[in-house]
Structure formats: structure tokens, C-alpha cells
Amino acid sequence: MNTIIETERLIIREMGQNDINEMLALHSDPEVHRYLGNKTITSRKKMEQIINSLVQQYDDYGVGRWAMIHKQTKAFIGWTGLEFVTKTVNQHQNFYDLGYRLVKTYWGQGFATESAIASIQYGFDQLNLPTINAMADKENGASNYILKKIGLQFVKNFEFEGVPHHWYQLEKAEYHQSEVF
């Protein structure tokens, strides 16, 4: 697997079929999916399909959701990265969406923030993106806090699959002026 980014505590690399067991454990946890429509994934075949689509994103757009590996322990702790979204969400289509998901034992330790900052830097500095977007369930206080903390600007409320969400955006010019990066 190609390493994309290294941070102080993380190796962020492409995902592959060797990550199926860890991804299945992550996505079958109901607490992890609490603010994601409570749609856990328990099928190995479905997870294989998801990982194949992630790999296709790397080929098609040069970016995607990447595995987060704890540098010190080498443990898979979740995923992070930018996804090129082609379907319409909140009246937006063909946009780059920042996302992250962590195994519960790594919640509250700053890994989501660290990986999100690295993903944004990659998007603006390596891919020269003009804008990065993100969304979070309105009730997901932790994720909304992280997105604001790293400099994304709240734009509006909207409904996603019948659930109130917040829409965030960061422009490249704002990124260059931010003290976060």
C-alpha cells in the first residue's frame, strides 16, 4: 500500500483488501454508525465492494478514503481523507468531501483532527483543489467541533437522508490565511 501522508502519530496510506477485517470491525460497530444513519455493515462481501470502490477512487481522482495506521503500534485505527462525490448532496455535485471514521478506542485522542488537517493540506497543496466540503449530522457534537476547529466554515443546515446535517466549506484562499495549517 502506498503511504500518502505521515503525521506526528499517523501513517495515512491507501486501503486494500488486506484491510477488510479491520474495516468490517469498524463499520459493524453501532456506536460508530450512530450519526451515519445507523446502517452498520456486517457483510464481508459488502466490505470488499466498498474497498474496491475506494481503490477505484484512487485511480479515477487521485484521492479517496485512506487507512489510518498508528505509527507507534502499527494498528489500524480508522480511515480519513477526501472523497470525490459525484452524486448530488445539498445541491452540490462533483465536490471533494472531507471525512474520517475511527475505531472507538481511539476516540477523543485527537486522531480525527490530526488526520483531517493532513487531508486538507494534501487536498490544497498536492491536488490544488479550490474548495473542500464536509458535512456532519447536526447532533454529532464531536464531528461538528472538529470541522470548525480545523477551519471549515459552517455554511448552512440541510437534510441528508431525512436527517438534519450541517454543511461546511473551506476555500483555498481561507486555507492559506488560516493559523490552523
N, C-alpha and C. Protein backbone atom coordinates (compact mmCIF):
# COMPACT_ATOMS: atom_id res chain seq x y z
N MET A 1 0.83 -1.18 0.00
CA MET A 1 0.00 0.00 0.00
C MET A 1 0.88 1.25 0.00
N ASN A 2 0.49 2.20 -0.80
CA ASN A 2 1.24 3.45 -0.88
C ASN A 2 0.93 4.34 0.33
N THR A 3 1.99 4.81 0.98
CA THR A 3 1.81 5.81 2.03
C THR A 3 1.57 7.15 1.35
N ILE A 4 0.53 7.83 1.78
CA ILE A 4 0.17 9.13 1.20
C ILE A 4 0.71 10.25 2.07
N ILE A 5 0.51 10.13 3.38
CA ILE A 5 0.85 11.19 4.33
C ILE A 5 1.41 10.55 5.60
N GLU A 6 2.36 11.23 6.20
CA GLU A 6 2.79 10.87 7.55
C GLU A 6 2.62 12.10 8.42
N THR A 7 2.04 11.90 9.59
CA THR A 7 1.92 12.98 10.57
C THR A 7 2.74 12.57 11.79
N GLU A 8 2.64 13.34 12.83
CA GLU A 8 3.40 13.03 14.04
C GLU A 8 3.09 11.63 14.56
N ARG A 9 1.79 11.25 14.53
CA ARG A 9 1.39 9.96 15.12
C ARG A 9 0.80 8.97 14.14
N LEU A 10 0.64 9.37 12.88
CA LEU A 10 -0.10 8.53 11.93
C LEU A 10 0.66 8.27 10.64
N ILE A 11 0.43 7.09 10.10
CA ILE A 11 0.75 6.79 8.71
C ILE A 11 -0.60 6.71 8.02
N ILE A 12 -0.78 7.50 6.99
CA ILE A 12 -2.02 7.52 6.24
C ILE A 12 -1.69 6.95 4.87
N ARG A 13 -2.33 5.81 4.56
CA ARG A 13 -1.98 5.08 3.35
C ARG A 13 -3.22 4.63 2.60
N GLU A 14 -2.98 4.22 1.36
CA GLU A 14 -4.07 3.67 0.57
C GLU A 14 -4.61 2.42 1.25
N MET A 15 -5.87 2.16 1.02
CA MET A 15 -6.52 1.00 1.58
C MET A 15 -6.52 -0.12 0.55
N GLY A 16 -6.56 -1.36 1.03
CA GLY A 16 -6.62 -2.51 0.13
C GLY A 16 -7.38 -3.65 0.77
N GLN A 17 -7.48 -4.74 0.04
CA GLN A 17 -8.24 -5.89 0.51
C GLN A 17 -7.70 -6.47 1.82
N ASN A 18 -6.44 -6.21 2.14
CA ASN A 18 -5.89 -6.69 3.41
C ASN A 18 -6.46 -5.91 4.61
N ASP A 19 -7.25 -4.89 4.36
CA ASP A 19 -7.88 -4.10 5.43
C ASP A 19 -9.33 -4.52 5.70
N ILE A 20 -9.78 -5.57 5.05
CA ILE A 20 -11.19 -5.97 5.17
C ILE A 20 -11.59 -6.23 6.62
N ASN A 21 -10.82 -7.03 7.35
CA ASN A 21 -11.21 -7.38 8.72
C ASN A 21 -11.31 -6.15 9.61
N GLU A 22 -10.34 -5.25 9.52
CA GLU A 22 -10.36 -4.05 10.34
C GLU A 22 -11.51 -3.12 9.95
N MET A 23 -11.74 -2.99 8.63
CA MET A 23 -12.85 -2.14 8.16
C MET A 23 -14.19 -2.72 8.58
N LEU A 24 -14.31 -4.04 8.52
CA LEU A 24 -15.55 -4.69 8.92
C LEU A 24 -15.80 -4.49 10.42
N ALA A 25 -14.76 -4.61 11.22
CA ALA A 25 -14.91 -4.36 12.67
C ALA A 25 -15.34 -2.92 12.93
N LEU A 26 -14.74 -1.98 12.23
CA LEU A 26 -15.08 -0.57 12.38
C LEU A 26 -16.53 -0.31 11.99
N HIS A 27 -16.92 -0.79 10.82
CA HIS A 27 -18.24 -0.46 10.27
C HIS A 27 -19.37 -1.33 10.80
N SER A 28 -19.07 -2.36 11.55
CA SER A 28 -20.14 -3.16 12.16
C SER A 28 -20.48 -2.68 13.56
N ASP A 29 -19.75 -1.67 14.06
CA ASP A 29 -19.97 -1.14 15.40
C ASP A 29 -21.12 -0.12 15.37
N PRO A 30 -22.23 -0.40 16.06
CA PRO A 30 -23.37 0.52 16.05
C PRO A 30 -23.03 1.91 16.60
N GLU A 31 -22.12 2.00 17.56
CA GLU A 31 -21.75 3.32 18.09
C GLU A 31 -21.03 4.16 17.05
N VAL A 32 -20.21 3.52 16.23
CA VAL A 32 -19.51 4.23 15.16
C VAL A 32 -20.52 4.78 14.15
N HIS A 33 -21.59 4.04 13.94
CA HIS A 33 -22.60 4.43 12.94
C HIS A 33 -23.78 5.19 13.53
N ARG A 34 -23.65 5.62 14.76
CA ARG A 34 -24.75 6.33 15.42
C ARG A 34 -25.22 7.54 14.61
N TYR A 35 -24.30 8.32 14.09
CA TYR A 35 -24.65 9.53 13.33
C TYR A 35 -24.50 9.32 11.83
N LEU A 36 -24.51 8.08 11.41
CA LEU A 36 -24.36 7.75 9.99
C LEU A 36 -25.56 6.95 9.50
N GLY A 37 -26.71 7.24 10.06
CA GLY A 37 -27.93 6.57 9.66
C GLY A 37 -28.12 5.21 10.28
N ASN A 38 -27.28 4.86 11.25
CA ASN A 38 -27.37 3.56 11.92
C ASN A 38 -27.37 2.40 10.94
N LYS A 39 -26.58 2.53 9.87
CA LYS A 39 -26.51 1.50 8.84
C LYS A 39 -25.16 0.78 8.93
N THR A 40 -25.05 -0.11 9.90
CA THR A 40 -23.80 -0.85 10.05
C THR A 40 -23.60 -1.79 8.87
N ILE A 41 -22.36 -2.18 8.68
CA ILE A 41 -22.01 -3.12 7.61
C ILE A 41 -21.45 -4.36 8.27
N THR A 42 -22.09 -5.49 8.02
CA THR A 42 -21.66 -6.74 8.64
C THR A 42 -21.28 -7.80 7.60
N SER A 43 -21.46 -7.50 6.35
CA SER A 43 -21.17 -8.46 5.28
C SER A 43 -19.75 -8.27 4.75
N ARG A 44 -18.99 -9.34 4.75
CA ARG A 44 -17.63 -9.31 4.21
C ARG A 44 -17.66 -8.95 2.72
N LYS A 45 -18.64 -9.49 2.00
CA LYS A 45 -18.76 -9.21 0.57
C LYS A 45 -19.02 -7.71 0.32
N LYS A 46 -19.89 -7.12 1.13
CA LYS A 46 -20.18 -5.68 1.01
C LYS A 46 -18.92 -4.86 1.30
N MET A 47 -18.15 -5.27 2.31
CA MET A 47 -16.93 -4.54 2.63
C MET A 47 -15.91 -4.67 1.50
N GLU A 48 -15.82 -5.83 0.88
CA GLU A 48 -14.93 -5.99 -0.29
C GLU A 48 -15.32 -5.01 -1.39
N GLN A 49 -16.62 -4.86 -1.62
CA GLN A 49 -17.11 -3.92 -2.64
C GLN A 49 -16.75 -2.48 -2.27
N ILE A 50 -16.89 -2.14 -1.01
CA ILE A 50 -16.57 -0.78 -0.56
C ILE A 50 -15.08 -0.50 -0.76
N ILE A 51 -14.25 -1.43 -0.38
CA ILE A 51 -12.80 -1.24 -0.54
C ILE A 51 -12.44 -1.15 -2.03
N ASN A 52 -13.08 -1.97 -2.86
CA ASN A 52 -12.84 -1.87 -4.31
C ASN A 52 -13.22 -0.49 -4.84
N SER A 53 -14.31 0.08 -4.33
CA SER A 53 -14.71 1.41 -4.79
C SER A 53 -13.73 2.48 -4.30
N LEU A 54 -13.14 2.27 -3.11
CA LEU A 54 -12.12 3.20 -2.62
C LEU A 54 -10.89 3.17 -3.52
N VAL A 55 -10.47 1.98 -3.87
CA VAL A 55 -9.31 1.82 -4.76
C VAL A 55 -9.59 2.46 -6.12
N GLN A 56 -10.82 2.33 -6.60
CA GLN A 56 -11.20 2.96 -7.87
C GLN A 56 -11.11 4.48 -7.77
N GLN A 57 -11.47 5.05 -6.62
CA GLN A 57 -11.35 6.50 -6.41
C GLN A 57 -9.90 6.94 -6.56
N TYR A 58 -8.97 6.14 -6.02
CA TYR A 58 -7.55 6.49 -6.16
C TYR A 58 -7.18 6.58 -7.64
N ASP A 59 -7.64 5.60 -8.42
CA ASP A 59 -7.32 5.57 -9.85
C ASP A 59 -8.00 6.70 -10.61
N ASP A 60 -9.28 6.94 -10.30
CA ASP A 60 -10.06 7.93 -11.05
C ASP A 60 -9.75 9.37 -10.67
N TYR A 61 -9.52 9.63 -9.38
CA TYR A 61 -9.42 11.02 -8.92
C TYR A 61 -8.14 11.34 -8.15
N GLY A 62 -7.28 10.34 -7.95
CA GLY A 62 -6.02 10.57 -7.25
C GLY A 62 -6.18 10.83 -5.77
N VAL A 63 -7.34 10.47 -5.24
CA VAL A 63 -7.65 10.73 -3.84
C VAL A 63 -8.74 9.77 -3.41
N GLY A 64 -8.94 9.65 -2.12
CA GLY A 64 -10.00 8.79 -1.60
C GLY A 64 -9.89 8.67 -0.10
N ARG A 65 -10.65 7.76 0.46
CA ARG A 65 -10.55 7.49 1.89
C ARG A 65 -9.33 6.59 2.09
N TRP A 66 -8.50 6.97 3.05
CA TRP A 66 -7.25 6.24 3.31
C TRP A 66 -7.27 5.61 4.70
N ALA A 67 -6.52 4.54 4.85
CA ALA A 67 -6.37 3.89 6.15
C ALA A 67 -5.50 4.75 7.06
N MET A 68 -5.89 4.83 8.33
CA MET A 68 -5.07 5.50 9.35
C MET A 68 -4.40 4.41 10.18
N ILE A 69 -3.08 4.46 10.21
CA ILE A 69 -2.30 3.49 10.97
C ILE A 69 -1.55 4.23 12.06
N HIS A 70 -1.67 3.73 13.29
CA HIS A 70 -0.96 4.33 14.42
C HIS A 70 0.52 4.04 14.24
N LYS A 71 1.33 5.09 14.15
CA LYS A 71 2.76 4.92 13.89
C LYS A 71 3.44 4.02 14.91
N GLN A 72 3.15 4.22 16.16
CA GLN A 72 3.86 3.51 17.22
C GLN A 72 3.46 2.04 17.30
N THR A 73 2.16 1.76 17.21
CA THR A 73 1.68 0.38 17.39
C THR A 73 1.43 -0.35 16.09
N LYS A 74 1.38 0.38 14.98
CA LYS A 74 1.06 -0.16 13.65
C LYS A 74 -0.39 -0.65 13.54
N ALA A 75 -1.23 -0.27 14.50
CA ALA A 75 -2.64 -0.69 14.50
C ALA A 75 -3.45 0.15 13.52
N PHE A 76 -4.41 -0.49 12.86
CA PHE A 76 -5.41 0.20 12.03
C PHE A 76 -6.35 0.89 13.01
N ILE A 77 -6.48 2.22 12.89
CA ILE A 77 -7.34 2.92 13.84
C ILE A 77 -8.54 3.59 13.17
N GLY A 78 -8.64 3.47 11.84
CA GLY A 78 -9.78 4.04 11.13
C GLY A 78 -9.39 4.49 9.75
N TRP A 79 -10.21 5.39 9.22
CA TRP A 79 -9.90 5.95 7.90
C TRP A 79 -10.11 7.46 7.91
N THR A 80 -9.51 8.09 6.90
CA THR A 80 -9.60 9.54 6.76
C THR A 80 -9.45 9.87 5.29
N GLY A 81 -9.63 11.10 4.93
CA GLY A 81 -9.32 11.52 3.57
C GLY A 81 -10.42 12.26 2.87
N LEU A 82 -10.18 12.49 1.59
CA LEU A 82 -11.09 13.22 0.73
C LEU A 82 -11.73 12.26 -0.25
N GLU A 83 -13.01 12.39 -0.42
CA GLU A 83 -13.73 11.59 -1.41
C GLU A 83 -14.28 12.53 -2.46
N PHE A 84 -14.11 12.18 -3.73
CA PHE A 84 -14.74 12.94 -4.80
C PHE A 84 -16.16 12.42 -4.95
N VAL A 85 -17.13 13.25 -4.62
CA VAL A 85 -18.54 12.85 -4.60
C VAL A 85 -19.20 13.29 -5.91
N THR A 86 -19.72 12.32 -6.65
CA THR A 86 -20.35 12.62 -7.94
C THR A 86 -21.86 12.74 -7.84
N LYS A 87 -22.46 12.17 -6.79
CA LYS A 87 -23.91 12.30 -6.63
C LYS A 87 -24.23 13.67 -6.04
N THR A 88 -25.47 14.09 -6.15
CA THR A 88 -25.88 15.39 -5.62
C THR A 88 -26.17 15.29 -4.13
N VAL A 89 -25.51 16.13 -3.36
CA VAL A 89 -25.72 16.24 -1.92
C VAL A 89 -25.82 17.73 -1.60
N ASN A 90 -26.90 18.13 -0.97
CA ASN A 90 -27.10 19.53 -0.59
C ASN A 90 -26.91 20.46 -1.80
N GLN A 91 -27.45 20.07 -2.92
CA GLN A 91 -27.39 20.84 -4.16
C GLN A 91 -25.97 21.00 -4.70
N HIS A 92 -25.05 20.15 -4.25
CA HIS A 92 -23.67 20.14 -4.74
C HIS A 92 -23.42 18.80 -5.43
N GLN A 93 -22.66 18.86 -6.48
CA GLN A 93 -22.27 17.65 -7.21
C GLN A 93 -20.83 17.83 -7.66
N ASN A 94 -20.09 16.71 -7.74
CA ASN A 94 -18.68 16.74 -8.13
C ASN A 94 -17.88 17.65 -7.20
N PHE A 95 -17.87 17.28 -5.92
CA PHE A 95 -17.14 18.05 -4.91
C PHE A 95 -16.26 17.10 -4.10
N TYR A 96 -15.30 17.68 -3.39
CA TYR A 96 -14.41 16.91 -2.52
C TYR A 96 -14.90 17.01 -1.09
N ASP A 97 -15.19 15.85 -0.50
CA ASP A 97 -15.75 15.75 0.84
C ASP A 97 -14.70 15.22 1.80
N LEU A 98 -14.45 15.96 2.86
CA LEU A 98 -13.55 15.53 3.92
C LEU A 98 -14.30 14.60 4.86
N GLY A 99 -13.68 13.48 5.20
CA GLY A 99 -14.31 12.55 6.13
C GLY A 99 -13.28 11.79 6.94
N TYR A 100 -13.75 11.20 8.01
CA TYR A 100 -12.90 10.39 8.88
C TYR A 100 -13.82 9.51 9.72
N ARG A 101 -13.29 8.38 10.12
CA ARG A 101 -14.02 7.46 10.98
C ARG A 101 -13.00 6.68 11.78
N LEU A 102 -13.20 6.58 13.08
CA LEU A 102 -12.23 5.92 13.94
C LEU A 102 -12.83 4.78 14.77
N VAL A 103 -11.99 3.80 15.05
CA VAL A 103 -12.33 2.75 15.99
C VAL A 103 -12.55 3.42 17.35
N LYS A 104 -13.56 3.00 18.08
CA LYS A 104 -13.96 3.65 19.33
C LYS A 104 -12.82 3.86 20.32
N THR A 105 -11.93 2.89 20.44
CA THR A 105 -10.86 3.02 21.43
C THR A 105 -9.92 4.19 21.14
N TYR A 106 -10.03 4.77 19.94
CA TYR A 106 -9.17 5.91 19.57
C TYR A 106 -9.92 7.24 19.56
N TRP A 107 -11.18 7.23 19.96
CA TRP A 107 -11.96 8.46 20.04
C TRP A 107 -11.37 9.37 21.11
N GLY A 108 -11.48 10.67 20.90
CA GLY A 108 -11.12 11.65 21.92
C GLY A 108 -9.62 11.83 22.13
N GLN A 109 -8.81 11.34 21.20
CA GLN A 109 -7.36 11.45 21.34
C GLN A 109 -6.72 12.37 20.30
N GLY A 110 -7.55 13.04 19.51
CA GLY A 110 -7.04 13.99 18.53
C GLY A 110 -6.66 13.41 17.18
N PHE A 111 -6.91 12.11 16.97
CA PHE A 111 -6.54 11.49 15.70
C PHE A 111 -7.40 11.99 14.53
N ALA A 112 -8.68 12.21 14.77
CA ALA A 112 -9.55 12.73 13.71
C ALA A 112 -9.08 14.12 13.29
N THR A 113 -8.76 14.96 14.25
CA THR A 113 -8.28 16.31 13.95
C THR A 113 -6.96 16.25 13.20
N GLU A 114 -6.03 15.46 13.69
CA GLU A 114 -4.71 15.34 13.06
C GLU A 114 -4.82 14.84 11.62
N SER A 115 -5.65 13.85 11.41
CA SER A 115 -5.79 13.29 10.06
C SER A 115 -6.55 14.24 9.13
N ALA A 116 -7.54 14.94 9.67
CA ALA A 116 -8.32 15.87 8.85
C ALA A 116 -7.45 17.04 8.39
N ILE A 117 -6.61 17.56 9.28
CA ILE A 117 -5.69 18.64 8.90
C ILE A 117 -4.75 18.16 7.79
N ALA A 118 -4.21 16.97 7.96
CA ALA A 118 -3.30 16.41 6.94
C ALA A 118 -4.02 16.21 5.61
N SER A 119 -5.27 15.77 5.65
CA SER A 119 -6.04 15.56 4.42
C SER A 119 -6.32 16.88 3.71
N ILE A 120 -6.65 17.91 4.48
CA ILE A 120 -6.90 19.23 3.89
C ILE A 120 -5.62 19.77 3.26
N GLN A 121 -4.51 19.66 3.97
CA GLN A 121 -3.23 20.12 3.41
C GLN A 121 -2.92 19.39 2.11
N TYR A 122 -3.14 18.10 2.08
CA TYR A 122 -2.91 17.31 0.86
C TYR A 122 -3.82 17.82 -0.27
N GLY A 123 -5.08 18.04 0.05
CA GLY A 123 -6.03 18.49 -0.97
C GLY A 123 -5.66 19.82 -1.58
N PHE A 124 -5.26 20.76 -0.75
CA PHE A 124 -4.92 22.09 -1.27
C PHE A 124 -3.50 22.15 -1.83
N ASP A 125 -2.54 21.54 -1.14
CA ASP A 125 -1.13 21.66 -1.55
C ASP A 125 -0.72 20.69 -2.65
N GLN A 126 -1.25 19.46 -2.63
CA GLN A 126 -0.86 18.46 -3.62
C GLN A 126 -1.82 18.41 -4.81
N LEU A 127 -3.11 18.51 -4.53
CA LEU A 127 -4.11 18.40 -5.60
C LEU A 127 -4.56 19.74 -6.13
N ASN A 128 -4.18 20.82 -5.44
CA ASN A 128 -4.55 22.17 -5.86
C ASN A 128 -6.06 22.35 -5.98
N LEU A 129 -6.80 21.80 -5.02
CA LEU A 129 -8.25 21.93 -5.03
C LEU A 129 -8.66 23.35 -4.69
N PRO A 130 -9.73 23.85 -5.29
CA PRO A 130 -10.20 25.20 -4.95
C PRO A 130 -11.02 25.23 -3.66
N THR A 131 -11.73 24.10 -3.37
CA THR A 131 -12.65 24.05 -2.23
C THR A 131 -12.71 22.64 -1.67
N ILE A 132 -12.86 22.54 -0.37
CA ILE A 132 -13.11 21.26 0.29
C ILE A 132 -14.37 21.43 1.13
N ASN A 133 -15.26 20.46 1.05
CA ASN A 133 -16.50 20.48 1.81
C ASN A 133 -16.51 19.36 2.83
N ALA A 134 -17.43 19.46 3.77
CA ALA A 134 -17.67 18.40 4.75
C ALA A 134 -19.09 18.55 5.26
N MET A 135 -19.61 17.46 5.77
CA MET A 135 -20.94 17.52 6.38
C MET A 135 -20.93 16.64 7.62
N ALA A 136 -21.81 17.00 8.55
CA ALA A 136 -21.93 16.22 9.78
C ALA A 136 -23.37 16.29 10.27
N ASP A 137 -23.82 15.18 10.81
CA ASP A 137 -25.12 15.14 11.46
C ASP A 137 -25.17 16.27 12.49
N LYS A 138 -26.25 17.00 12.50
CA LYS A 138 -26.39 18.15 13.40
C LYS A 138 -26.18 17.77 14.86
N GLU A 139 -26.52 16.53 15.23
CA GLU A 139 -26.40 16.07 16.61
C GLU A 139 -25.01 15.53 16.95
N ASN A 140 -24.14 15.39 15.96
CA ASN A 140 -22.80 14.85 16.19
C ASN A 140 -21.87 15.96 16.66
N GLY A 141 -21.92 16.25 17.94
CA GLY A 141 -21.16 17.35 18.51
C GLY A 141 -19.67 17.23 18.28
N ALA A 142 -19.11 16.04 18.40
CA ALA A 142 -17.66 15.85 18.25
C ALA A 142 -17.21 16.19 16.83
N SER A 143 -17.93 15.70 15.85
CA SER A 143 -17.52 15.95 14.46
C SER A 143 -17.72 17.41 14.08
N ASN A 144 -18.82 18.00 14.51
CA ASN A 144 -19.04 19.42 14.23
C ASN A 144 -17.95 20.28 14.88
N TYR A 145 -17.55 19.92 16.08
CA TYR A 145 -16.49 20.65 16.77
C TYR A 145 -15.17 20.56 16.00
N ILE A 146 -14.82 19.35 15.56
CA ILE A 146 -13.57 19.15 14.82
C ILE A 146 -13.57 19.96 13.54
N LEU A 147 -14.64 19.92 12.78
CA LEU A 147 -14.69 20.63 11.50
C LEU A 147 -14.51 22.13 11.69
N LYS A 148 -15.13 22.69 12.71
CA LYS A 148 -14.95 24.13 13.00
C LYS A 148 -13.54 24.41 13.49
N LYS A 149 -13.02 23.55 14.35
CA LYS A 149 -11.70 23.72 14.93
C LYS A 149 -10.60 23.77 13.86
N ILE A 150 -10.77 22.99 12.80
CA ILE A 150 -9.74 22.93 11.76
C ILE A 150 -9.96 23.96 10.66
N GLY A 151 -10.93 24.83 10.84
CA GLY A 151 -11.07 25.96 9.93
C GLY A 151 -12.17 25.90 8.90
N LEU A 152 -12.93 24.81 8.84
CA LEU A 152 -14.04 24.79 7.91
C LEU A 152 -15.13 25.73 8.42
N GLN A 153 -15.79 26.39 7.49
CA GLN A 153 -16.82 27.36 7.83
C GLN A 153 -18.20 26.74 7.67
N PHE A 154 -19.03 26.90 8.70
CA PHE A 154 -20.41 26.45 8.61
C PHE A 154 -21.10 27.28 7.52
N VAL A 155 -21.80 26.59 6.62
CA VAL A 155 -22.50 27.28 5.52
C VAL A 155 -24.00 27.26 5.75
N LYS A 156 -24.55 26.08 6.03
CA LYS A 156 -26.00 26.01 6.20
C LYS A 156 -26.42 24.66 6.76
N ASN A 157 -27.65 24.60 7.22
CA ASN A 157 -28.30 23.35 7.61
C ASN A 157 -28.97 22.76 6.38
N PHE A 158 -29.03 21.43 6.31
CA PHE A 158 -29.75 20.78 5.23
C PHE A 158 -30.15 19.38 5.68
N GLU A 159 -31.05 18.77 4.95
CA GLU A 159 -31.49 17.41 5.25
C GLU A 159 -30.73 16.44 4.38
N PHE A 160 -30.17 15.42 5.00
CA PHE A 160 -29.50 14.35 4.27
C PHE A 160 -30.12 13.04 4.71
N GLU A 161 -30.76 12.37 3.78
CA GLU A 161 -31.47 11.11 4.06
C GLU A 161 -32.44 11.27 5.23
N GLY A 162 -33.11 12.44 5.26
CA GLY A 162 -34.13 12.71 6.26
C GLY A 162 -33.60 13.14 7.62
N VAL A 163 -32.30 13.39 7.72
CA VAL A 163 -31.68 13.76 8.99
C VAL A 163 -31.05 15.14 8.86
N PRO A 164 -31.28 16.06 9.83
CA PRO A 164 -30.65 17.38 9.76
C PRO A 164 -29.12 17.29 9.85
N HIS A 165 -28.46 17.96 8.93
CA HIS A 165 -27.00 17.98 8.87
C HIS A 165 -26.51 19.42 8.76
N HIS A 166 -25.24 19.61 9.07
CA HIS A 166 -24.56 20.88 8.83
C HIS A 166 -23.63 20.70 7.64
N TRP A 167 -23.57 21.73 6.81
CA TRP A 167 -22.70 21.75 5.64
C TRP A 167 -21.56 22.74 5.89
N TYR A 168 -20.33 22.29 5.63
CA TYR A 168 -19.14 23.11 5.85
C TYR A 168 -18.34 23.25 4.57
N GLN A 169 -17.52 24.30 4.54
CA GLN A 169 -16.72 24.57 3.35
C GLN A 169 -15.43 25.28 3.75
N LEU A 170 -14.38 24.99 3.01
CA LEU A 170 -13.13 25.72 3.17
C LEU A 170 -12.58 26.01 1.78
N GLU A 171 -12.36 27.27 1.51
CA GLU A 171 -11.78 27.71 0.23
C GLU A 171 -10.27 27.75 0.37
N LYS A 172 -9.57 27.56 -0.74
CA LYS A 172 -8.11 27.55 -0.73
C LYS A 172 -7.55 28.86 -0.17
N ALA A 173 -8.14 30.00 -0.52
CA ALA A 173 -7.66 31.29 -0.02
C ALA A 173 -7.77 31.37 1.50
N GLU A 174 -8.88 30.85 2.06
CA GLU A 174 -9.05 30.84 3.51
C GLU A 174 -8.04 29.90 4.17
N TYR A 175 -7.75 28.81 3.51
CA TYR A 175 -6.76 27.84 4.00
C TYR A 175 -5.40 28.51 4.14
N HIS A 176 -5.00 29.26 3.13
CA HIS A 176 -3.70 29.92 3.16
C HIS A 176 -3.61 30.99 4.23
N GLN A 177 -4.75 31.55 4.64
CA GLN A 177 -4.75 32.60 5.66
C GLN A 177 -4.94 32.04 7.08
N SER A 178 -5.27 30.75 7.17
CA SER A 178 -5.57 30.15 8.46
C SER A 178 -4.32 29.89 9.30
N GLU A 179 -4.45 30.06 10.59
CA GLU A 179 -3.36 29.76 11.51
C GLU A 179 -3.37 28.29 11.92
N VAL A 180 -4.41 27.55 11.53
CA VAL A 180 -4.52 26.14 11.87
C VAL A 180 -3.48 25.31 11.11
N PHE A 181 -3.18 25.72 9.87
CA PHE A 181 -2.35 24.89 9.00
C PHE A 181 -0.92 25.34 8.97
